[in-house]
């Protein structure tokens, strides 16, 4: 599974990269620190999954979700946020799954496996 990481914090992207690539079945093909970078990464690197920081700078996440769905309808989106109250708005916007940034690594891995089965 090809994955794009979109988070403005480099340390979060590094941790996510380790989780994504740990099992060997998935590969990070691009990283982005803002909305413009994410859209450019999607143009250059077709991906099965985007790990999207719900507070990614540049555009409201709900608009990013719509853009991704219009341009890459088969790309799944796993939203991440440090705000648990973002869960329902993210799901309402059409993300495939939502995980709190404070979740244990096993929870994130389980969400990745679940989204991977949907690809």
PDB file of N, CA and C in Angstrom:
ATOM      1  N   UNK A   1       0.853  -1.167   0.000  1.00  0.00           N
ATOM      2  CA  UNK A   1       0.000   0.000   0.000  1.00  0.00           C
ATOM      3  C   UNK A   1       0.903   1.235   0.000  1.00  0.00           C
ATOM      4  N   UNK A   2       0.641   2.173  -0.878  1.00  0.00           N
ATOM      5  CA  UNK A   2       1.394   3.424  -0.959  1.00  0.00           C
ATOM      6  C   UNK A   2       0.696   4.484  -0.115  1.00  0.00           C
ATOM      7  N   UNK A   3       1.482   5.166   0.716  1.00  0.00           N
ATOM      8  CA  UNK A   3       0.934   6.076   1.720  1.00  0.00           C
ATOM      9  C   UNK A   3       1.586   7.449   1.609  1.00  0.00           C
ATOM     10  N   UNK A   4       0.763   8.496   1.781  1.00  0.00           N
ATOM     11  CA  UNK A   4       1.261   9.863   1.906  1.00  0.00           C
ATOM     12  C   UNK A   4       0.972  10.324   3.330  1.00  0.00           C
ATOM     13  N   UNK A   5       1.994  10.896   3.979  1.00  0.00           N
ATOM     14  CA  UNK A   5       1.856  11.435   5.326  1.00  0.00           C
ATOM     15  C   UNK A   5       1.686  12.942   5.233  1.00  0.00           C
ATOM     16  N   UNK A   6       0.633  13.479   5.840  1.00  0.00           N
ATOM     17  CA  UNK A   6       0.382  14.917   5.808  1.00  0.00           C
ATOM     18  C   UNK A   6       0.190  15.426   7.232  1.00  0.00           C
ATOM     19  N   UNK A   7       1.245  16.014   7.777  1.00  0.00           N
ATOM     20  CA  UNK A   7       1.215  16.575   9.128  1.00  0.00           C
ATOM     21  C   UNK A   7       2.260  17.677   9.182  1.00  0.00           C
ATOM     22  N   UNK A   8       1.942  18.775   9.858  1.00  0.00           N
ATOM     23  CA  UNK A   8       2.882  19.888   9.896  1.00  0.00           C
ATOM     24  C   UNK A   8       4.046  19.663  10.856  1.00  0.00           C
ATOM     25  N   UNK A   9       3.991  18.632  11.664  1.00  0.00           N
ATOM     26  CA  UNK A   9       5.061  18.355  12.626  1.00  0.00           C
ATOM     27  C   UNK A   9       5.942  17.211  12.114  1.00  0.00           C
ATOM     28  N   UNK A  10       7.212  17.512  11.893  1.00  0.00           N
ATOM     29  CA  UNK A  10       8.143  16.515  11.358  1.00  0.00           C
ATOM     30  C   UNK A  10       8.270  15.304  12.278  1.00  0.00           C
ATOM     31  N   UNK A  11       8.235  15.523  13.588  1.00  0.00           N
ATOM     32  CA  UNK A  11       8.360  14.388  14.511  1.00  0.00           C
ATOM     33  C   UNK A  11       7.159  13.452  14.424  1.00  0.00           C
ATOM     34  N   UNK A  12       5.980  13.999  14.172  1.00  0.00           N
ATOM     35  CA  UNK A  12       4.786  13.160  13.998  1.00  0.00           C
ATOM     36  C   UNK A  12       4.909  12.369  12.702  1.00  0.00           C
ATOM     37  N   UNK A  13       5.358  13.021  11.626  1.00  0.00           N
ATOM     38  CA  UNK A  13       5.545  12.305  10.362  1.00  0.00           C
ATOM     39  C   UNK A  13       6.555  11.174  10.520  1.00  0.00           C
ATOM     40  N   UNK A  14       7.623  11.418  11.258  1.00  0.00           N
ATOM     41  CA  UNK A  14       8.635  10.369  11.473  1.00  0.00           C
ATOM     42  C   UNK A  14       8.055   9.179  12.223  1.00  0.00           C
ATOM     43  N   UNK A  15       7.286   9.456  13.267  1.00  0.00           N
ATOM     44  CA  UNK A  15       6.668   8.371  14.036  1.00  0.00           C
ATOM     45  C   UNK A  15       5.671   7.601  13.177  1.00  0.00           C
ATOM     46  N   UNK A  16       4.890   8.321  12.377  1.00  0.00           N
ATOM     47  CA  UNK A  16       3.919   7.653  11.504  1.00  0.00           C
ATOM     48  C   UNK A  16       4.629   6.801  10.455  1.00  0.00           C
ATOM     49  N   UNK A  17       5.733   7.303   9.923  1.00  0.00           N
ATOM     50  CA  UNK A  17       6.496   6.541   8.928  1.00  0.00           C
ATOM     51  C   UNK A  17       6.928   5.200   9.524  1.00  0.00           C
ATOM     52  N   UNK A  18       7.429   5.216  10.745  1.00  0.00           N
ATOM     53  CA  UNK A  18       7.845   3.972  11.398  1.00  0.00           C
ATOM     54  C   UNK A  18       6.678   2.999  11.524  1.00  0.00           C
ATOM     55  N   UNK A  19       5.514   3.509  11.942  1.00  0.00           N
ATOM     56  CA  UNK A  19       4.343   2.642  12.089  1.00  0.00           C
ATOM     57  C   UNK A  19       3.877   2.088  10.745  1.00  0.00           C
ATOM     58  N   UNK A  20       3.849   2.940   9.731  1.00  0.00           N
ATOM     59  CA  UNK A  20       3.362   2.532   8.410  1.00  0.00           C
ATOM     60  C   UNK A  20       4.272   1.474   7.790  1.00  0.00           C
ATOM     61  N   UNK A  21       5.576   1.687   7.878  1.00  0.00           N
ATOM     62  CA  UNK A  21       6.514   0.813   7.170  1.00  0.00           C
ATOM     63  C   UNK A  21       6.971  -0.385   7.994  1.00  0.00           C
ATOM     64  N   UNK A  22       6.512  -0.471   9.219  1.00  0.00           N
ATOM     65  CA  UNK A  22       6.961  -1.517  10.129  1.00  0.00           C
ATOM     66  C   UNK A  22       6.683  -2.927   9.626  1.00  0.00           C
ATOM     67  N   UNK A  23       5.524  -3.145   9.044  1.00  0.00           N
ATOM     68  CA  UNK A  23       5.167  -4.510   8.621  1.00  0.00           C
ATOM     69  C   UNK A  23       5.702  -4.879   7.242  1.00  0.00           C
ATOM     70  N   UNK A  24       6.242  -3.909   6.514  1.00  0.00           N
ATOM     71  CA  UNK A  24       6.801  -4.183   5.201  1.00  0.00           C
ATOM     72  C   UNK A  24       5.780  -4.211   4.077  1.00  0.00           C
ATOM     73  N   UNK A  25       4.500  -4.161   4.395  1.00  0.00           N
ATOM     74  CA  UNK A  25       3.456  -4.214   3.371  1.00  0.00           C
ATOM     75  C   UNK A  25       3.107  -2.832   2.826  1.00  0.00           C
ATOM     76  N   UNK A  26       3.500  -1.787   3.534  1.00  0.00           N
ATOM     77  CA  UNK A  26       3.174  -0.424   3.132  1.00  0.00           C
ATOM     78  C   UNK A  26       4.451   0.389   2.992  1.00  0.00           C
ATOM     79  N   UNK A  27       4.359   1.410   2.136  1.00  0.00           N
ATOM     80  CA  UNK A  27       5.524   2.257   1.886  1.00  0.00           C
ATOM     81  C   UNK A  27       5.077   3.706   1.804  1.00  0.00           C
ATOM     82  N   UNK A  28       5.769   4.579   2.514  1.00  0.00           N
ATOM     83  CA  UNK A  28       5.498   6.010   2.430  1.00  0.00           C
ATOM     84  C   UNK A  28       6.123   6.522   1.137  1.00  0.00           C
ATOM     85  N   UNK A  29       5.289   7.104   0.271  1.00  0.00           N
ATOM     86  CA  UNK A  29       5.773   7.595  -1.021  1.00  0.00           C
ATOM     87  C   UNK A  29       5.992   9.100  -1.026  1.00  0.00           C
ATOM     88  N   UNK A  30       5.416   9.804  -0.026  1.00  0.00           N
ATOM     89  CA  UNK A  30       5.591  11.256   0.058  1.00  0.00           C
ATOM     90  C   UNK A  30       5.159  11.739   1.432  1.00  0.00           C
ATOM     91  N   UNK A  31       5.675  12.927   1.771  1.00  0.00           N
ATOM     92  CA  UNK A  31       5.292  13.598   3.006  1.00  0.00           C
ATOM     93  C   UNK A  31       4.943  15.036   2.670  1.00  0.00           C
ATOM     94  N   UNK A  32       4.036  15.614   3.462  1.00  0.00           N
ATOM     95  CA  UNK A  32       3.648  17.006   3.263  1.00  0.00           C
ATOM     96  C   UNK A  32       3.443  17.668   4.619  1.00  0.00           C
ATOM     97  N   UNK A  33       3.814  18.958   4.698  1.00  0.00           N
ATOM     98  CA  UNK A  33       3.668  19.711   5.936  1.00  0.00           C
ATOM     99  C   UNK A  33       2.512  20.701   5.884  1.00  0.00           C
ATOM    100  N   UNK A  34       1.868  20.817   4.709  1.00  0.00           N
ATOM    101  CA  UNK A  34       0.722  21.714   4.580  1.00  0.00           C
ATOM    102  C   UNK A  34      -0.161  21.246   3.423  1.00  0.00           C
ATOM    103  N   UNK A  35      -1.299  21.919   3.264  1.00  0.00           N
ATOM    104  CA  UNK A  35      -2.278  21.502   2.256  1.00  0.00           C
ATOM    105  C   UNK A  35      -1.704  21.563   0.843  1.00  0.00           C
ATOM    106  N   UNK A  36      -0.977  22.624   0.521  1.00  0.00           N
ATOM    107  CA  UNK A  36      -0.402  22.739  -0.823  1.00  0.00           C
ATOM    108  C   UNK A  36       0.561  21.593  -1.096  1.00  0.00           C
ATOM    109  N   UNK A  37       1.373  21.267  -0.118  1.00  0.00           N
ATOM    110  CA  UNK A  37       2.305  20.151  -0.267  1.00  0.00           C
ATOM    111  C   UNK A  37       1.594  18.827  -0.448  1.00  0.00           C
ATOM    112  N   UNK A  38       0.493  18.649   0.259  1.00  0.00           N
ATOM    113  CA  UNK A  38      -0.284  17.415   0.119  1.00  0.00           C
ATOM    114  C   UNK A  38      -0.870  17.304  -1.283  1.00  0.00           C
ATOM    115  N   UNK A  39      -1.459  18.372  -1.777  1.00  0.00           N
ATOM    116  CA  UNK A  39      -2.060  18.317  -3.115  1.00  0.00           C
ATOM    117  C   UNK A  39      -1.001  18.054  -4.184  1.00  0.00           C
ATOM    118  N   UNK A  40       0.170  18.660  -4.031  1.00  0.00           N
ATOM    119  CA  UNK A  40       1.273  18.408  -4.962  1.00  0.00           C
ATOM    120  C   UNK A  40       1.738  16.957  -4.861  1.00  0.00           C
ATOM    121  N   UNK A  41       1.848  16.445  -3.645  1.00  0.00           N
ATOM    122  CA  UNK A  41       2.260  15.046  -3.453  1.00  0.00           C
ATOM    123  C   UNK A  41       1.272  14.092  -4.108  1.00  0.00           C
ATOM    124  N   UNK A  42      -0.012  14.383  -4.003  1.00  0.00           N
ATOM    125  CA  UNK A  42      -1.027  13.525  -4.622  1.00  0.00           C
ATOM    126  C   UNK A  42      -0.933  13.539  -6.144  1.00  0.00           C
ATOM    127  N   UNK A  43      -0.558  14.697  -6.714  1.00  0.00           N
ATOM    128  CA  UNK A  43      -0.371  14.769  -8.167  1.00  0.00           C
ATOM    129  C   UNK A  43       0.808  13.910  -8.611  1.00  0.00           C
ATOM    130  N   UNK A  44       1.869  13.938  -7.832  1.00  0.00           N
ATOM    131  CA  UNK A  44       3.112  13.268  -8.219  1.00  0.00           C
ATOM    132  C   UNK A  44       3.177  11.798  -7.812  1.00  0.00           C
ATOM    133  N   UNK A  45       2.471  11.445  -6.756  1.00  0.00           N
ATOM    134  CA  UNK A  45       2.589  10.101  -6.189  1.00  0.00           C
ATOM    135  C   UNK A  45       1.208   9.511  -5.941  1.00  0.00           C
ATOM    136  N   UNK A  46       0.675   8.748  -6.867  1.00  0.00           N
ATOM    137  CA  UNK A  46      -0.606   8.094  -6.594  1.00  0.00           C
ATOM    138  C   UNK A  46      -0.480   7.281  -5.304  1.00  0.00           C
ATOM    139  N   UNK A  47      -1.455   7.429  -4.434  1.00  0.00           N
ATOM    140  CA  UNK A  47      -1.392   6.760  -3.135  1.00  0.00           C
ATOM    141  C   UNK A  47      -2.700   6.035  -2.855  1.00  0.00           C
ATOM    142  N   UNK A  48      -2.579   4.947  -2.128  1.00  0.00           N
ATOM    143  CA  UNK A  48      -3.755   4.210  -1.675  1.00  0.00           C
ATOM    144  C   UNK A  48      -4.354   4.850  -0.431  1.00  0.00           C
ATOM    145  N   UNK A  49      -3.495   5.534   0.336  1.00  0.00           N
ATOM    146  CA  UNK A  49      -3.911   6.068   1.631  1.00  0.00           C
ATOM    147  C   UNK A  49      -3.206   7.381   1.925  1.00  0.00           C
ATOM    148  N   UNK A  50      -3.971   8.324   2.494  1.00  0.00           N
ATOM    149  CA  UNK A  50      -3.406   9.563   3.024  1.00  0.00           C
ATOM    150  C   UNK A  50      -3.658   9.574   4.523  1.00  0.00           C
ATOM    151  N   UNK A  51      -2.593   9.751   5.300  1.00  0.00           N
ATOM    152  CA  UNK A  51      -2.731  10.002   6.728  1.00  0.00           C
ATOM    153  C   UNK A  51      -2.764  11.507   6.883  1.00  0.00           C
ATOM    154  N   UNK A  52      -3.929  12.040   7.221  1.00  0.00           N
ATOM    155  CA  UNK A  52      -4.190  13.475   7.190  1.00  0.00           C
ATOM    156  C   UNK A  52      -4.362  14.048   8.585  1.00  0.00           C
ATOM    157  N   UNK A  53      -3.464  14.961   8.951  1.00  0.00           N
ATOM    158  CA  UNK A  53      -3.633  15.734  10.183  1.00  0.00           C
ATOM    159  C   UNK A  53      -4.854  16.627   9.977  1.00  0.00           C
ATOM    160  N   UNK A  54      -5.865  16.468  10.818  1.00  0.00           N
ATOM    161  CA  UNK A  54      -7.117  17.200  10.647  1.00  0.00           C
ATOM    162  C   UNK A  54      -6.907  18.706  10.782  1.00  0.00           C
ATOM    163  N   UNK A  55      -5.813  19.127  11.397  1.00  0.00           N
ATOM    164  CA  UNK A  55      -5.501  20.550  11.545  1.00  0.00           C
ATOM    165  C   UNK A  55      -4.367  20.975  10.606  1.00  0.00           C
ATOM    166  N   UNK A  56      -4.180  20.277   9.512  1.00  0.00           N
ATOM    167  CA  UNK A  56      -3.112  20.594   8.566  1.00  0.00           C
ATOM    168  C   UNK A  56      -3.260  22.037   8.070  1.00  0.00           C
ATOM    169  N   UNK A  57      -2.196  22.845   8.147  1.00  0.00           N
ATOM    170  CA  UNK A  57      -2.285  24.237   7.699  1.00  0.00           C
ATOM    171  C   UNK A  57      -2.547  24.350   6.192  1.00  0.00           C
ATOM    172  N   UNK A  58      -3.245  25.413   5.831  1.00  0.00           N
ATOM    173  CA  UNK A  58      -3.416  25.733   4.414  1.00  0.00           C
ATOM    174  C   UNK A  58      -4.846  25.761   3.935  1.00  0.00           C
ATOM    175  N   UNK A  59      -5.613  24.755   4.270  1.00  0.00           N
ATOM    176  CA  UNK A  59      -7.026  24.667   3.893  1.00  0.00           C
ATOM    177  C   UNK A  59      -7.762  23.913   4.987  1.00  0.00           C
ATOM    178  N   UNK A  60      -9.035  24.215   5.188  1.00  0.00           N
ATOM    179  CA  UNK A  60      -9.798  23.394   6.131  1.00  0.00           C
ATOM    180  C   UNK A  60      -9.790  21.932   5.672  1.00  0.00           C
ATOM    181  N   UNK A  61      -9.632  21.047   6.608  1.00  0.00           N
ATOM    182  CA  UNK A  61      -9.508  19.620   6.280  1.00  0.00           C
ATOM    183  C   UNK A  61     -10.712  19.093   5.514  1.00  0.00           C
ATOM    184  N   UNK A  62     -11.901  19.581   5.825  1.00  0.00           N
ATOM    185  CA  UNK A  62     -13.088  19.070   5.113  1.00  0.00           C
ATOM    186  C   UNK A  62     -12.999  19.374   3.614  1.00  0.00           C
ATOM    187  N   UNK A  63     -12.384  20.518   3.250  1.00  0.00           N
ATOM    188  CA  UNK A  63     -12.192  20.837   1.834  1.00  0.00           C
ATOM    189  C   UNK A  63     -11.120  19.943   1.215  1.00  0.00           C
ATOM    190  N   UNK A  64     -10.069  19.695   1.972  1.00  0.00           N
ATOM    191  CA  UNK A  64      -9.031  18.783   1.482  1.00  0.00           C
ATOM    192  C   UNK A  64      -9.609  17.404   1.205  1.00  0.00           C
ATOM    193  N   UNK A  65     -10.457  16.936   2.109  1.00  0.00           N
ATOM    194  CA  UNK A  65     -11.085  15.624   1.910  1.00  0.00           C
ATOM    195  C   UNK A  65     -11.877  15.625   0.611  1.00  0.00           C
ATOM    196  N   UNK A  66     -12.648  16.675   0.375  1.00  0.00           N
ATOM    197  CA  UNK A  66     -13.436  16.755  -0.870  1.00  0.00           C
ATOM    198  C   UNK A  66     -12.537  16.755  -2.101  1.00  0.00           C
ATOM    199  N   UNK A  67     -11.472  17.543  -2.040  1.00  0.00           N
ATOM    200  CA  UNK A  67     -10.544  17.599  -3.177  1.00  0.00           C
ATOM    201  C   UNK A  67      -9.918  16.237  -3.446  1.00  0.00           C
ATOM    202  N   UNK A  68      -9.493  15.567  -2.395  1.00  0.00           N
ATOM    203  CA  UNK A  68      -8.900  14.237  -2.561  1.00  0.00           C
ATOM    204  C   UNK A  68      -9.923  13.283  -3.156  1.00  0.00           C
ATOM    205  N   UNK A  69     -11.139  13.325  -2.649  1.00  0.00           N
ATOM    206  CA  UNK A  69     -12.179  12.421  -3.149  1.00  0.00           C
ATOM    207  C   UNK A  69     -12.521  12.700  -4.609  1.00  0.00           C
ATOM    208  N   UNK A  70     -12.479  13.965  -5.017  1.00  0.00           N
ATOM    209  CA  UNK A  70     -12.775  14.297  -6.416  1.00  0.00           C
ATOM    210  C   UNK A  70     -11.634  13.878  -7.340  1.00  0.00           C
ATOM    211  N   UNK A  71     -10.402  14.156  -6.926  1.00  0.00           N
ATOM    212  CA  UNK A  71      -9.239  13.882  -7.770  1.00  0.00           C
ATOM    213  C   UNK A  71      -8.776  12.429  -7.715  1.00  0.00           C
ATOM    214  N   UNK A  72      -8.897  11.810  -6.571  1.00  0.00           N
ATOM    215  CA  UNK A  72      -8.417  10.436  -6.337  1.00  0.00           C
ATOM    216  C   UNK A  72      -9.478   9.657  -5.572  1.00  0.00           C
ATOM    217  N   UNK A  73     -10.579   9.306  -6.223  1.00  0.00           N
ATOM    218  CA  UNK A  73     -11.706   8.687  -5.508  1.00  0.00           C
ATOM    219  C   UNK A  73     -11.379   7.361  -4.832  1.00  0.00           C
ATOM    220  N   UNK A  74     -10.318   6.694  -5.240  1.00  0.00           N
ATOM    221  CA  UNK A  74      -9.986   5.404  -4.629  1.00  0.00           C
ATOM    222  C   UNK A  74      -8.960   5.532  -3.505  1.00  0.00           C
ATOM    223  N   UNK A  75      -8.490   6.744  -3.261  1.00  0.00           N
ATOM    224  CA  UNK A  75      -7.545   6.970  -2.168  1.00  0.00           C
ATOM    225  C   UNK A  75      -8.315   7.066  -0.859  1.00  0.00           C
ATOM    226  N   UNK A  76      -7.916   6.267   0.114  1.00  0.00           N
ATOM    227  CA  UNK A  76      -8.534   6.285   1.436  1.00  0.00           C
ATOM    228  C   UNK A  76      -7.860   7.357   2.281  1.00  0.00           C
ATOM    229  N   UNK A  77      -8.600   7.861   3.269  1.00  0.00           N
ATOM    230  CA  UNK A  77      -8.079   8.907   4.142  1.00  0.00           C
ATOM    231  C   UNK A  77      -8.256   8.484   5.593  1.00  0.00           C
ATOM    232  N   UNK A  78      -7.145   8.450   6.316  1.00  0.00           N
ATOM    233  CA  UNK A  78      -7.162   8.207   7.755  1.00  0.00           C
ATOM    234  C   UNK A  78      -6.831   9.538   8.412  1.00  0.00           C
ATOM    235  N   UNK A  79      -7.821  10.131   9.081  1.00  0.00           N
ATOM    236  CA  UNK A  79      -7.622  11.422   9.735  1.00  0.00           C
ATOM    237  C   UNK A  79      -7.033  11.221  11.121  1.00  0.00           C
ATOM    238  N   UNK A  80      -6.157  12.137  11.484  1.00  0.00           N
ATOM    239  CA  UNK A  80      -5.519  12.135  12.800  1.00  0.00           C
ATOM    240  C   UNK A  80      -5.726  13.502  13.432  1.00  0.00           C
ATOM    241  N   UNK A  81      -5.992  13.515  14.731  1.00  0.00           N
ATOM    242  CA  UNK A  81      -6.135  14.792  15.419  1.00  0.00           C
ATOM    243  C   UNK A  81      -5.835  14.630  16.897  1.00  0.00           C
ATOM    244  N   UNK A  82      -5.310  15.692  17.476  1.00  0.00           N
ATOM    245  CA  UNK A  82      -5.107  15.713  18.920  1.00  0.00           C
ATOM    246  C   UNK A  82      -6.397  16.125  19.626  1.00  0.00           C
ATOM    247  N   UNK A  83      -7.402  16.492  18.852  1.00  0.00           N
ATOM    248  CA  UNK A  83      -8.698  16.894  19.417  1.00  0.00           C
ATOM    249  C   UNK A  83      -9.727  15.795  19.165  1.00  0.00           C
ATOM    250  N   UNK A  84     -10.113  15.064  20.208  1.00  0.00           N
ATOM    251  CA  UNK A  84     -11.091  13.980  20.027  1.00  0.00           C
ATOM    252  C   UNK A  84     -12.421  14.454  19.440  1.00  0.00           C
ATOM    253  N   UNK A  85     -12.784  15.708  19.699  1.00  0.00           N
ATOM    254  CA  UNK A  85     -14.055  16.231  19.179  1.00  0.00           C
ATOM    255  C   UNK A  85     -14.031  16.398  17.658  1.00  0.00           C
ATOM    256  N   UNK A  86     -12.878  16.247  17.034  1.00  0.00           N
ATOM    257  CA  UNK A  86     -12.788  16.326  15.569  1.00  0.00           C
ATOM    258  C   UNK A  86     -13.240  15.034  14.901  1.00  0.00           C
ATOM    259  N   UNK A  87     -13.410  13.979  15.675  1.00  0.00           N
ATOM    260  CA  UNK A  87     -13.766  12.668  15.121  1.00  0.00           C
ATOM    261  C   UNK A  87     -15.024  12.724  14.247  1.00  0.00           C
ATOM    262  N   UNK A  88     -16.118  13.214  14.800  1.00  0.00           N
ATOM    263  CA  UNK A  88     -17.375  13.196  14.047  1.00  0.00           C
ATOM    264  C   UNK A  88     -17.334  14.105  12.824  1.00  0.00           C
ATOM    265  N   UNK A  89     -16.826  15.346  12.936  1.00  0.00           N
ATOM    266  CA  UNK A  89     -16.714  16.162  11.718  1.00  0.00           C
ATOM    267  C   UNK A  89     -15.858  15.498  10.633  1.00  0.00           C
ATOM    268  N   UNK A  90     -14.799  14.814  11.042  1.00  0.00           N
ATOM    269  CA  UNK A  90     -13.944  14.133  10.063  1.00  0.00           C
ATOM    270  C   UNK A  90     -14.704  13.003   9.377  1.00  0.00           C
ATOM    271  N   UNK A  91     -15.396  12.204  10.166  1.00  0.00           N
ATOM    272  CA  UNK A  91     -16.178  11.107   9.578  1.00  0.00           C
ATOM    273  C   UNK A  91     -17.301  11.649   8.701  1.00  0.00           C
ATOM    274  N   UNK A  92     -17.947  12.729   9.152  1.00  0.00           N
ATOM    275  CA  UNK A  92     -19.008  13.352   8.346  1.00  0.00           C
ATOM    276  C   UNK A  92     -18.460  13.882   7.020  1.00  0.00           C
ATOM    277  N   UNK A  93     -17.207  14.323   7.020  1.00  0.00           N
ATOM    278  CA  UNK A  93     -16.585  14.845   5.796  1.00  0.00           C
ATOM    279  C   UNK A  93     -16.237  13.738   4.810  1.00  0.00           C
ATOM    280  N   UNK A  94     -16.205  12.491   5.292  1.00  0.00           N
ATOM    281  CA  UNK A  94     -15.969  11.378   4.379  1.00  0.00           C
ATOM    282  C   UNK A  94     -14.663  10.634   4.550  1.00  0.00           C
ATOM    283  N   UNK A  95     -13.926  10.888   5.645  1.00  0.00           N
ATOM    284  CA  UNK A  95     -12.699  10.116   5.838  1.00  0.00           C
ATOM    285  C   UNK A  95     -13.056   8.655   6.081  1.00  0.00           C
ATOM    286  N   UNK A  96     -12.131   7.787   5.780  1.00  0.00           N
ATOM    287  CA  UNK A  96     -12.347   6.349   5.952  1.00  0.00           C
ATOM    288  C   UNK A  96     -12.300   5.961   7.418  1.00  0.00           C
ATOM    289  N   UNK A  97     -11.408   6.612   8.176  1.00  0.00           N
ATOM    290  CA  UNK A  97     -11.259   6.306   9.597  1.00  0.00           C
ATOM    291  C   UNK A  97     -10.643   7.505  10.299  1.00  0.00           C
ATOM    292  N   UNK A  98     -10.719   7.480  11.624  1.00  0.00           N
ATOM    293  CA  UNK A  98     -10.183   8.556  12.458  1.00  0.00           C
ATOM    294  C   UNK A  98      -9.438   7.947  13.628  1.00  0.00           C
ATOM    295  N   UNK A  99      -8.278   8.528  13.956  1.00  0.00           N
ATOM    296  CA  UNK A  99      -7.503   8.085  15.114  1.00  0.00           C
ATOM    297  C   UNK A  99      -7.016   9.319  15.861  1.00  0.00           C
ATOM    298  N   UNK A 100      -7.097   9.273  17.168  1.00  0.00           N
ATOM    299  CA  UNK A 100      -6.557  10.341  17.995  1.00  0.00           C
ATOM    300  C   UNK A 100      -5.035  10.271  17.976  1.00  0.00           C
ATOM    301  N   UNK A 101      -4.384  11.429  17.922  1.00  0.00           N
ATOM    302  CA  UNK A 101      -2.921  11.451  17.939  1.00  0.00           C
ATOM    303  C   UNK A 101      -2.371  10.908  19.248  1.00  0.00           C
ATOM    304  N   UNK A 102      -3.176  10.906  20.293  1.00  0.00           N
ATOM    305  CA  UNK A 102      -2.737  10.371  21.572  1.00  0.00           C
ATOM    306  C   UNK A 102      -2.937   8.875  21.706  1.00  0.00           C
ATOM    307  N   UNK A 103      -3.443   8.237  20.666  1.00  0.00           N
ATOM    308  CA  UNK A 103      -3.720   6.795  20.720  1.00  0.00           C
ATOM    309  C   UNK A 103      -2.421   5.998  20.786  1.00  0.00           C
ATOM    310  N   UNK A 104      -2.518   4.842  21.400  1.00  0.00           N
ATOM    311  CA  UNK A 104      -1.368   3.938  21.479  1.00  0.00           C
ATOM    312  C   UNK A 104      -0.984   3.462  20.075  1.00  0.00           C
ATOM    313  N   UNK A 105       0.287   3.148  19.859  1.00  0.00           N
ATOM    314  CA  UNK A 105       0.724   2.668  18.541  1.00  0.00           C
ATOM    315  C   UNK A 105      -0.088   1.477  18.034  1.00  0.00           C
ATOM    316  N   UNK A 106      -0.501   0.581  18.911  1.00  0.00           N
ATOM    317  CA  UNK A 106      -1.303  -0.569  18.481  1.00  0.00           C
ATOM    318  C   UNK A 106      -2.641  -0.138  17.895  1.00  0.00           C
ATOM    319  N   UNK A 107      -3.218   0.930  18.437  1.00  0.00           N
ATOM    320  CA  UNK A 107      -4.491   1.445  17.920  1.00  0.00           C
ATOM    321  C   UNK A 107      -4.283   2.012  16.516  1.00  0.00           C
ATOM    322  N   UNK A 108      -3.195   2.740  16.334  1.00  0.00           N
ATOM    323  CA  UNK A 108      -2.890   3.305  15.010  1.00  0.00           C
ATOM    324  C   UNK A 108      -2.636   2.178  14.011  1.00  0.00           C
ATOM    325  N   UNK A 109      -1.867   1.174  14.413  1.00  0.00           N
ATOM    326  CA  UNK A 109      -1.602   0.028  13.524  1.00  0.00           C
ATOM    327  C   UNK A 109      -2.898  -0.684  13.147  1.00  0.00           C
ATOM    328  N   UNK A 110      -3.796  -0.859  14.116  1.00  0.00           N
ATOM    329  CA  UNK A 110      -5.081  -1.514  13.830  1.00  0.00           C
ATOM    330  C   UNK A 110      -5.891  -0.689  12.832  1.00  0.00           C
ATOM    331  N   UNK A 111      -5.878   0.627  12.982  1.00  0.00           N
ATOM    332  CA  UNK A 111      -6.595   1.490  12.035  1.00  0.00           C
ATOM    333  C   UNK A 111      -5.975   1.390  10.647  1.00  0.00           C
ATOM    334  N   UNK A 112      -4.652   1.348  10.582  1.00  0.00           N
ATOM    335  CA  UNK A 112      -3.974   1.195   9.287  1.00  0.00           C
ATOM    336  C   UNK A 112      -4.348  -0.125   8.627  1.00  0.00           C
ATOM    337  N   UNK A 113      -4.379  -1.196   9.407  1.00  0.00           N
ATOM    338  CA  UNK A 113      -4.774  -2.499   8.844  1.00  0.00           C
ATOM    339  C   UNK A 113      -6.217  -2.456   8.351  1.00  0.00           C
ATOM    340  N   UNK A 114      -7.097  -1.837   9.127  1.00  0.00           N
ATOM    341  CA  UNK A 114      -8.500  -1.742   8.728  1.00  0.00           C
ATOM    342  C   UNK A 114      -8.678  -0.949   7.451  1.00  0.00           C
ATOM    343  N   UNK A 115      -7.992   0.170   7.351  1.00  0.00           N
ATOM    344  CA  UNK A 115      -8.068   0.986   6.138  1.00  0.00           C
ATOM    345  C   UNK A 115      -7.428   0.243   4.977  1.00  0.00           C
ATOM    346  N   UNK A 116      -6.353  -0.470   5.240  1.00  0.00           N
ATOM    347  CA  UNK A 116      -5.680  -1.248   4.198  1.00  0.00           C
ATOM    348  C   UNK A 116      -6.578  -2.302   3.596  1.00  0.00           C
ATOM    349  N   UNK A 117      -7.423  -2.899   4.413  1.00  0.00           N
ATOM    350  CA  UNK A 117      -8.367  -3.897   3.886  1.00  0.00           C
ATOM    351  C   UNK A 117      -9.418  -3.247   3.002  1.00  0.00           C
ATOM    352  N   UNK A 118      -9.687  -1.959   3.241  1.00  0.00           N
ATOM    353  CA  UNK A 118     -10.691  -1.250   2.447  1.00  0.00           C
ATOM    354  C   UNK A 118     -10.144  -0.819   1.095  1.00  0.00           C
ATOM    355  N   UNK A 119      -8.819  -0.844   0.949  1.00  0.00           N
ATOM    356  CA  UNK A 119      -8.193  -0.394  -0.310  1.00  0.00           C
ATOM    357  C   UNK A 119      -8.410  -1.420  -1.394  1.00  0.00           C
TER     358      UNK A 119
END
